[in-house]
N, C-alpha and C. Protein backbone atom coordinates (compact mmCIF):
# COMPACT_ATOMS: atom_id res chain seq x y z
N MET A 1 -4.39 -0.28 -10.12
CA MET A 1 -3.84 -1.29 -9.23
C MET A 1 -3.32 -2.44 -10.07
N ASN A 2 -2.22 -2.98 -9.66
CA ASN A 2 -1.60 -4.11 -10.33
C ASN A 2 -2.35 -5.38 -9.93
N ILE A 3 -3.07 -5.96 -10.89
CA ILE A 3 -3.92 -7.12 -10.60
C ILE A 3 -3.09 -8.34 -10.22
N GLU A 4 -1.93 -8.50 -10.84
CA GLU A 4 -1.08 -9.65 -10.50
C GLU A 4 -0.62 -9.57 -9.05
N ILE A 5 -0.16 -8.40 -8.62
CA ILE A 5 0.28 -8.25 -7.23
C ILE A 5 -0.89 -8.44 -6.28
N GLN A 6 -2.05 -7.89 -6.64
CA GLN A 6 -3.24 -8.04 -5.80
C GLN A 6 -3.60 -9.52 -5.64
N SER A 7 -3.57 -10.28 -6.73
CA SER A 7 -3.93 -11.69 -6.63
C SER A 7 -2.87 -12.48 -5.85
N ARG A 8 -1.61 -12.09 -5.96
CA ARG A 8 -0.57 -12.75 -5.17
C ARG A 8 -0.73 -12.44 -3.68
N LEU A 9 -1.11 -11.19 -3.37
CA LEU A 9 -1.36 -10.84 -1.97
C LEU A 9 -2.55 -11.61 -1.41
N GLU A 10 -3.60 -11.78 -2.21
CA GLU A 10 -4.75 -12.56 -1.77
C GLU A 10 -4.38 -14.02 -1.56
N ALA A 11 -3.54 -14.56 -2.46
CA ALA A 11 -3.08 -15.95 -2.29
C ALA A 11 -2.28 -16.10 -1.00
N LEU A 12 -1.44 -15.12 -0.70
CA LEU A 12 -0.67 -15.16 0.55
C LEU A 12 -1.59 -15.03 1.76
N ALA A 13 -2.62 -14.20 1.63
CA ALA A 13 -3.59 -14.05 2.73
C ALA A 13 -4.28 -15.37 3.01
N PHE A 14 -4.67 -16.10 1.96
CA PHE A 14 -5.29 -17.41 2.16
C PHE A 14 -4.30 -18.42 2.73
N LYS A 15 -3.04 -18.31 2.30
CA LYS A 15 -2.01 -19.22 2.80
C LYS A 15 -1.75 -19.02 4.29
N LYS A 16 -1.80 -17.76 4.74
CA LYS A 16 -1.47 -17.44 6.14
C LYS A 16 -2.66 -17.60 7.09
N THR A 17 -3.87 -17.75 6.55
CA THR A 17 -5.05 -17.82 7.40
C THR A 17 -5.69 -19.20 7.35
N ILE A 18 -6.60 -19.42 8.29
CA ILE A 18 -7.31 -20.69 8.42
C ILE A 18 -8.80 -20.39 8.36
N PRO A 19 -9.58 -21.18 7.60
CA PRO A 19 -11.03 -21.00 7.64
C PRO A 19 -11.53 -21.19 9.08
N PHE A 20 -12.47 -20.34 9.49
CA PHE A 20 -12.90 -20.33 10.89
C PHE A 20 -14.41 -20.12 10.97
N CYS A 21 -15.08 -21.01 11.70
CA CYS A 21 -16.51 -20.89 11.93
C CYS A 21 -16.71 -20.08 13.20
N TYR A 22 -17.23 -18.88 13.04
CA TYR A 22 -17.41 -18.01 14.20
C TYR A 22 -18.59 -18.48 15.05
N CYS A 23 -19.58 -19.08 14.42
CA CYS A 23 -20.75 -19.58 15.14
C CYS A 23 -20.35 -20.66 16.15
N CYS A 24 -19.53 -21.59 15.72
CA CYS A 24 -19.06 -22.67 16.60
C CYS A 24 -17.74 -22.33 17.27
N TYR A 25 -17.15 -21.24 16.85
CA TYR A 25 -15.86 -20.77 17.33
C TYR A 25 -14.80 -21.88 17.24
N SER A 26 -14.68 -22.41 16.00
CA SER A 26 -13.70 -23.47 15.78
C SER A 26 -13.13 -23.37 14.37
N GLU A 27 -11.92 -23.86 14.22
CA GLU A 27 -11.28 -23.88 12.92
C GLU A 27 -11.99 -24.88 12.02
N ALA A 28 -12.00 -24.57 10.73
CA ALA A 28 -12.64 -25.44 9.75
C ALA A 28 -11.71 -25.59 8.55
N PRO A 29 -10.61 -26.30 8.72
CA PRO A 29 -9.59 -26.36 7.68
C PRO A 29 -10.05 -26.97 6.36
N THR A 30 -11.14 -27.72 6.37
CA THR A 30 -11.63 -28.33 5.13
C THR A 30 -12.50 -27.37 4.32
N GLY A 31 -12.86 -26.24 4.90
CA GLY A 31 -13.73 -25.30 4.22
C GLY A 31 -15.19 -25.45 4.60
N ARG A 32 -15.46 -26.35 5.52
CA ARG A 32 -16.80 -26.55 6.05
C ARG A 32 -16.65 -26.89 7.53
N CYS A 33 -17.49 -26.29 8.36
CA CYS A 33 -17.41 -26.53 9.79
C CYS A 33 -17.82 -27.97 10.10
N ALA A 34 -17.01 -28.64 10.89
CA ALA A 34 -17.30 -30.04 11.25
C ALA A 34 -18.47 -30.15 12.22
N LYS A 35 -18.81 -29.07 12.93
CA LYS A 35 -19.89 -29.12 13.92
C LYS A 35 -21.24 -28.75 13.31
N CYS A 36 -21.30 -27.62 12.61
CA CYS A 36 -22.59 -27.14 12.08
C CYS A 36 -22.69 -27.26 10.56
N TYR A 37 -21.63 -27.68 9.91
CA TYR A 37 -21.56 -27.90 8.47
C TYR A 37 -21.70 -26.61 7.65
N SER A 38 -21.49 -25.48 8.28
CA SER A 38 -21.57 -24.21 7.57
C SER A 38 -20.33 -24.01 6.70
N ASP A 39 -20.55 -23.36 5.54
CA ASP A 39 -19.41 -22.97 4.71
C ASP A 39 -19.28 -21.44 4.67
N ASP A 40 -20.02 -20.77 5.52
CA ASP A 40 -19.95 -19.31 5.67
C ASP A 40 -18.89 -19.01 6.72
N LEU A 41 -17.63 -19.06 6.29
CA LEU A 41 -16.52 -19.02 7.22
C LEU A 41 -15.73 -17.73 7.14
N MET A 42 -15.18 -17.36 8.28
CA MET A 42 -14.26 -16.22 8.37
C MET A 42 -12.85 -16.74 8.09
N ARG A 43 -11.90 -15.82 8.10
CA ARG A 43 -10.49 -16.20 7.99
C ARG A 43 -9.83 -15.88 9.32
N LEU A 44 -9.12 -16.84 9.89
CA LEU A 44 -8.43 -16.68 11.16
C LEU A 44 -6.94 -16.49 10.87
N LEU A 45 -6.41 -15.38 11.32
CA LEU A 45 -4.97 -15.12 11.24
C LEU A 45 -4.44 -15.32 12.65
N PRO A 46 -3.77 -16.44 12.89
CA PRO A 46 -3.33 -16.75 14.25
C PRO A 46 -2.53 -15.60 14.87
N GLY A 47 -2.91 -15.28 16.09
CA GLY A 47 -2.25 -14.21 16.83
C GLY A 47 -2.78 -12.82 16.54
N ILE A 48 -3.63 -12.70 15.52
CA ILE A 48 -4.16 -11.39 15.14
C ILE A 48 -5.67 -11.35 15.36
N GLY A 49 -6.41 -12.29 14.78
CA GLY A 49 -7.85 -12.32 14.94
C GLY A 49 -8.52 -12.95 13.75
N CYS A 50 -9.84 -12.78 13.66
CA CYS A 50 -10.58 -13.34 12.54
C CYS A 50 -11.61 -12.33 12.05
N GLU A 51 -11.89 -12.45 10.76
CA GLU A 51 -12.85 -11.54 10.12
C GLU A 51 -13.16 -12.12 8.75
N TYR A 52 -14.25 -11.67 8.15
CA TYR A 52 -14.58 -12.08 6.79
C TYR A 52 -13.65 -11.38 5.81
N GLY A 53 -13.39 -12.02 4.68
CA GLY A 53 -12.59 -11.44 3.61
C GLY A 53 -11.10 -11.50 3.87
N THR A 54 -10.37 -10.96 2.92
CA THR A 54 -8.90 -10.98 3.02
C THR A 54 -8.29 -9.58 3.07
N GLU A 55 -9.10 -8.54 2.89
CA GLU A 55 -8.55 -7.19 2.85
C GLU A 55 -7.78 -6.85 4.13
N TRP A 56 -8.33 -7.24 5.26
CA TRP A 56 -7.69 -6.94 6.54
C TRP A 56 -6.40 -7.73 6.71
N VAL A 57 -6.33 -8.94 6.13
CA VAL A 57 -5.11 -9.74 6.20
C VAL A 57 -4.04 -9.08 5.33
N ILE A 58 -4.44 -8.63 4.14
CA ILE A 58 -3.50 -7.95 3.24
C ILE A 58 -2.98 -6.69 3.91
N GLU A 59 -3.84 -5.96 4.58
CA GLU A 59 -3.42 -4.76 5.31
C GLU A 59 -2.36 -5.11 6.36
N ASP A 60 -2.56 -6.22 7.06
CA ASP A 60 -1.59 -6.67 8.05
C ASP A 60 -0.28 -7.09 7.38
N LEU A 61 -0.36 -7.76 6.24
CA LEU A 61 0.84 -8.19 5.52
C LEU A 61 1.65 -6.98 5.03
N LEU A 62 0.95 -5.93 4.61
CA LEU A 62 1.63 -4.75 4.08
C LEU A 62 2.40 -3.98 5.16
N ARG A 63 2.12 -4.28 6.42
CA ARG A 63 2.89 -3.62 7.49
C ARG A 63 4.36 -4.04 7.46
N ASN A 64 4.66 -5.16 6.79
CA ASN A 64 6.03 -5.65 6.69
C ASN A 64 6.81 -4.97 5.57
N ILE A 65 6.15 -4.13 4.80
CA ILE A 65 6.77 -3.50 3.64
C ILE A 65 6.91 -2.00 3.89
N GLU A 66 8.08 -1.49 3.55
CA GLU A 66 8.35 -0.07 3.77
C GLU A 66 7.47 0.79 2.87
N LYS A 67 6.86 1.80 3.44
CA LYS A 67 6.00 2.72 2.70
C LYS A 67 6.86 3.76 1.99
N VAL A 68 6.35 4.24 0.87
CA VAL A 68 7.04 5.28 0.11
C VAL A 68 6.67 6.63 0.70
N ASP A 69 7.67 7.46 0.94
CA ASP A 69 7.44 8.82 1.40
C ASP A 69 7.16 9.68 0.17
N ILE A 70 5.87 9.91 -0.10
CA ILE A 70 5.46 10.65 -1.28
C ILE A 70 6.02 12.07 -1.29
N SER A 71 6.02 12.72 -0.15
CA SER A 71 6.53 14.10 -0.09
C SER A 71 7.98 14.16 -0.52
N GLU A 72 8.77 13.26 0.00
CA GLU A 72 10.20 13.24 -0.33
C GLU A 72 10.43 12.90 -1.80
N ARG A 73 9.71 11.89 -2.30
CA ARG A 73 9.88 11.49 -3.70
C ARG A 73 9.43 12.58 -4.66
N PHE A 74 8.33 13.25 -4.31
CA PHE A 74 7.85 14.33 -5.17
C PHE A 74 8.85 15.47 -5.19
N GLU A 75 9.36 15.82 -4.03
CA GLU A 75 10.33 16.92 -3.97
C GLU A 75 11.59 16.57 -4.76
N ASP A 76 12.05 15.33 -4.67
CA ASP A 76 13.21 14.90 -5.47
C ASP A 76 12.92 15.02 -6.96
N SER A 77 11.70 14.66 -7.34
CA SER A 77 11.30 14.75 -8.74
C SER A 77 11.32 16.20 -9.22
N ILE A 78 10.78 17.09 -8.43
CA ILE A 78 10.77 18.52 -8.79
C ILE A 78 12.19 19.06 -8.86
N ARG A 79 13.03 18.66 -7.92
CA ARG A 79 14.42 19.13 -7.93
C ARG A 79 15.16 18.64 -9.18
N SER A 80 14.80 17.46 -9.68
CA SER A 80 15.45 16.97 -10.90
C SER A 80 15.00 17.76 -12.12
N TYR A 81 13.75 18.26 -12.12
CA TYR A 81 13.26 19.08 -13.22
C TYR A 81 13.78 20.50 -13.14
N TYR A 82 13.93 21.03 -11.94
CA TYR A 82 14.35 22.41 -11.73
C TYR A 82 15.58 22.43 -10.82
N PRO A 83 16.73 22.02 -11.36
CA PRO A 83 17.92 21.90 -10.49
C PRO A 83 18.56 23.23 -10.10
N LYS A 84 18.28 24.30 -10.83
CA LYS A 84 18.95 25.57 -10.56
C LYS A 84 18.28 26.30 -9.40
N GLU A 85 19.03 27.23 -8.88
CA GLU A 85 18.49 28.09 -7.84
C GLU A 85 17.67 29.20 -8.48
N THR A 86 16.75 29.73 -7.72
CA THR A 86 15.91 30.83 -8.16
C THR A 86 16.27 32.07 -7.36
N SER A 87 16.30 33.20 -8.02
CA SER A 87 16.58 34.46 -7.32
C SER A 87 15.26 35.13 -6.99
N ILE A 88 15.11 35.44 -5.72
CA ILE A 88 13.96 36.21 -5.25
C ILE A 88 14.58 37.41 -4.53
N GLY A 89 14.52 38.56 -5.21
CA GLY A 89 15.20 39.73 -4.66
C GLY A 89 16.69 39.45 -4.58
N TRP A 90 17.26 39.61 -3.43
CA TRP A 90 18.69 39.37 -3.24
C TRP A 90 18.99 37.94 -2.76
N LEU A 91 17.93 37.13 -2.61
CA LEU A 91 18.10 35.76 -2.14
C LEU A 91 18.21 34.78 -3.30
N LYS A 92 19.03 33.77 -3.11
CA LYS A 92 19.08 32.65 -4.05
C LYS A 92 18.60 31.43 -3.27
N VAL A 93 17.50 30.84 -3.75
CA VAL A 93 16.90 29.69 -3.05
C VAL A 93 16.66 28.55 -4.03
N ASN A 94 16.56 27.38 -3.48
CA ASN A 94 16.23 26.21 -4.27
C ASN A 94 14.82 26.40 -4.82
N THR A 95 14.62 26.12 -6.10
CA THR A 95 13.33 26.35 -6.75
C THR A 95 12.22 25.53 -6.10
N ALA A 96 12.47 24.27 -5.83
CA ALA A 96 11.45 23.42 -5.22
C ALA A 96 11.05 23.95 -3.85
N SER A 97 12.04 24.36 -3.07
CA SER A 97 11.75 24.90 -1.74
C SER A 97 10.95 26.19 -1.84
N ALA A 98 11.27 27.03 -2.83
CA ALA A 98 10.55 28.28 -3.00
C ALA A 98 9.09 28.01 -3.34
N ILE A 99 8.84 27.10 -4.27
CA ILE A 99 7.45 26.79 -4.65
C ILE A 99 6.69 26.24 -3.45
N LYS A 100 7.32 25.32 -2.75
CA LYS A 100 6.67 24.68 -1.60
C LYS A 100 6.34 25.70 -0.52
N ASP A 101 7.24 26.63 -0.27
CA ASP A 101 7.03 27.62 0.80
C ASP A 101 6.10 28.76 0.38
N LEU A 102 6.17 29.17 -0.90
CA LEU A 102 5.38 30.31 -1.35
C LEU A 102 3.93 29.96 -1.71
N ASP A 103 3.72 28.74 -2.17
CA ASP A 103 2.35 28.34 -2.55
C ASP A 103 2.09 26.90 -2.14
N PRO A 104 1.90 26.66 -0.84
CA PRO A 104 1.73 25.29 -0.36
C PRO A 104 0.49 24.59 -0.92
N ILE A 105 -0.53 25.34 -1.29
CA ILE A 105 -1.74 24.71 -1.84
C ILE A 105 -1.44 24.13 -3.22
N SER A 106 -0.80 24.91 -4.09
CA SER A 106 -0.48 24.37 -5.42
C SER A 106 0.56 23.26 -5.31
N TRP A 107 1.44 23.34 -4.34
CA TRP A 107 2.43 22.28 -4.10
C TRP A 107 1.72 20.97 -3.76
N ASP A 108 0.75 21.03 -2.84
CA ASP A 108 0.01 19.82 -2.46
C ASP A 108 -0.81 19.27 -3.62
N LEU A 109 -1.40 20.16 -4.41
CA LEU A 109 -2.17 19.74 -5.57
C LEU A 109 -1.27 19.05 -6.59
N ALA A 110 -0.12 19.65 -6.87
CA ALA A 110 0.83 19.07 -7.82
C ALA A 110 1.35 17.72 -7.30
N LYS A 111 1.58 17.63 -5.99
CA LYS A 111 2.05 16.38 -5.40
C LYS A 111 0.99 15.28 -5.58
N SER A 112 -0.26 15.62 -5.36
CA SER A 112 -1.35 14.66 -5.52
C SER A 112 -1.47 14.20 -6.97
N GLU A 113 -1.39 15.14 -7.90
CA GLU A 113 -1.45 14.79 -9.32
C GLU A 113 -0.26 13.94 -9.73
N TRP A 114 0.92 14.25 -9.19
CA TRP A 114 2.12 13.48 -9.49
C TRP A 114 1.96 12.05 -8.98
N ALA A 115 1.45 11.89 -7.76
CA ALA A 115 1.26 10.55 -7.19
C ALA A 115 0.26 9.75 -8.02
N ASP A 116 -0.81 10.40 -8.48
CA ASP A 116 -1.79 9.72 -9.34
C ASP A 116 -1.16 9.24 -10.64
N SER A 117 -0.33 10.09 -11.24
CA SER A 117 0.30 9.69 -12.50
C SER A 117 1.32 8.57 -12.28
N GLU A 118 2.04 8.63 -11.17
CA GLU A 118 3.00 7.55 -10.86
C GLU A 118 2.26 6.23 -10.63
N GLU A 119 1.09 6.31 -10.02
CA GLU A 119 0.29 5.10 -9.80
C GLU A 119 -0.20 4.55 -11.14
N GLN A 120 -0.64 5.42 -12.04
CA GLN A 120 -1.12 4.98 -13.35
C GLN A 120 0.01 4.37 -14.17
N GLU A 121 1.22 4.87 -14.00
CA GLU A 121 2.38 4.33 -14.71
C GLU A 121 2.88 3.03 -14.08
N GLY A 122 2.42 2.73 -12.88
CA GLY A 122 2.82 1.49 -12.22
C GLY A 122 4.08 1.60 -11.39
N THR A 123 4.57 2.80 -11.14
CA THR A 123 5.78 2.95 -10.31
C THR A 123 5.44 3.08 -8.84
N LEU A 124 4.16 3.28 -8.53
CA LEU A 124 3.67 3.30 -7.15
C LEU A 124 2.38 2.49 -7.08
N LEU A 125 2.15 1.89 -5.93
CA LEU A 125 0.91 1.15 -5.69
C LEU A 125 0.26 1.65 -4.41
N THR A 126 -1.06 1.72 -4.42
CA THR A 126 -1.80 2.03 -3.21
C THR A 126 -2.95 1.04 -3.10
N PHE A 127 -3.26 0.67 -1.88
CA PHE A 127 -4.36 -0.25 -1.62
C PHE A 127 -5.45 0.43 -0.80
N ASP A 128 -5.24 1.70 -0.48
CA ASP A 128 -6.19 2.43 0.36
C ASP A 128 -6.52 3.81 -0.22
N ASN A 129 -6.66 3.85 -1.54
CA ASN A 129 -7.05 5.07 -2.26
C ASN A 129 -6.12 6.25 -2.02
N GLY A 130 -4.83 6.00 -1.93
CA GLY A 130 -3.86 7.07 -1.87
C GLY A 130 -3.42 7.52 -0.49
N SER A 131 -3.86 6.84 0.55
CA SER A 131 -3.38 7.21 1.89
C SER A 131 -1.94 6.74 2.09
N THR A 132 -1.63 5.58 1.52
CA THR A 132 -0.32 4.98 1.67
C THR A 132 0.12 4.44 0.31
N TYR A 133 1.38 4.66 -0.01
CA TYR A 133 1.92 4.17 -1.28
C TYR A 133 3.07 3.22 -1.02
N PHE A 134 3.23 2.27 -1.96
CA PHE A 134 4.30 1.28 -1.88
C PHE A 134 5.00 1.20 -3.23
N ASP A 135 6.26 0.78 -3.18
CA ASP A 135 7.03 0.51 -4.38
C ASP A 135 6.68 -0.91 -4.82
N PRO A 136 6.19 -1.11 -6.05
CA PRO A 136 5.80 -2.45 -6.49
C PRO A 136 6.92 -3.48 -6.38
N SER A 137 8.16 -3.07 -6.62
CA SER A 137 9.27 -4.02 -6.53
C SER A 137 9.48 -4.51 -5.09
N GLU A 138 9.20 -3.65 -4.11
CA GLU A 138 9.30 -4.05 -2.70
C GLU A 138 8.24 -5.11 -2.37
N ILE A 139 7.04 -4.90 -2.88
CA ILE A 139 5.96 -5.86 -2.63
C ILE A 139 6.28 -7.19 -3.32
N GLU A 140 6.77 -7.13 -4.56
CA GLU A 140 7.12 -8.36 -5.27
C GLU A 140 8.24 -9.11 -4.55
N SER A 141 9.23 -8.40 -4.04
CA SER A 141 10.31 -9.05 -3.29
C SER A 141 9.76 -9.74 -2.05
N PHE A 142 8.86 -9.05 -1.35
CA PHE A 142 8.22 -9.63 -0.17
C PHE A 142 7.45 -10.88 -0.53
N LEU A 143 6.67 -10.82 -1.60
CA LEU A 143 5.89 -11.98 -2.02
C LEU A 143 6.78 -13.14 -2.45
N ASP A 144 7.88 -12.82 -3.14
CA ASP A 144 8.84 -13.86 -3.53
C ASP A 144 9.44 -14.52 -2.30
N SER A 145 9.77 -13.72 -1.29
CA SER A 145 10.36 -14.28 -0.07
C SER A 145 9.35 -15.16 0.70
N GLU A 146 8.06 -14.90 0.50
CA GLU A 146 7.01 -15.69 1.14
C GLU A 146 6.63 -16.91 0.30
N GLY A 147 7.22 -17.03 -0.89
CA GLY A 147 6.96 -18.18 -1.75
C GLY A 147 5.62 -18.13 -2.47
N VAL A 148 5.15 -16.93 -2.75
CA VAL A 148 3.87 -16.79 -3.48
C VAL A 148 4.13 -16.15 -4.82
């Protein structure tokens, strides 16, 4: 995970939310509840809700960013490595399509390994252990537009 992007997303999450005392059910913009003096505060995202931490706010912020279609990107990558057609009997088929159709299990395994390597290289980012991927440049553009 890109630590700089993660810290910028957390900064934006704090910028977009308000400290909130759930016990008194009131905003606490100073970081301490004016009624009960508690500093054990949730984060209130107006119009969405409140909860402890910023992970849920970051998840909401990421809805504004287009997700990467891993299947499509992986297939494009394979097509660039194997651009020629493959002959199977009297048929000529695209090599990537043949692999995907003839051995879907190895295709899925290779796709997963490819996504992991792309994440390690920093060309893809995930915040949910690989369920969803994002292009880091898209996230940076979003953060720049938000002034963070």
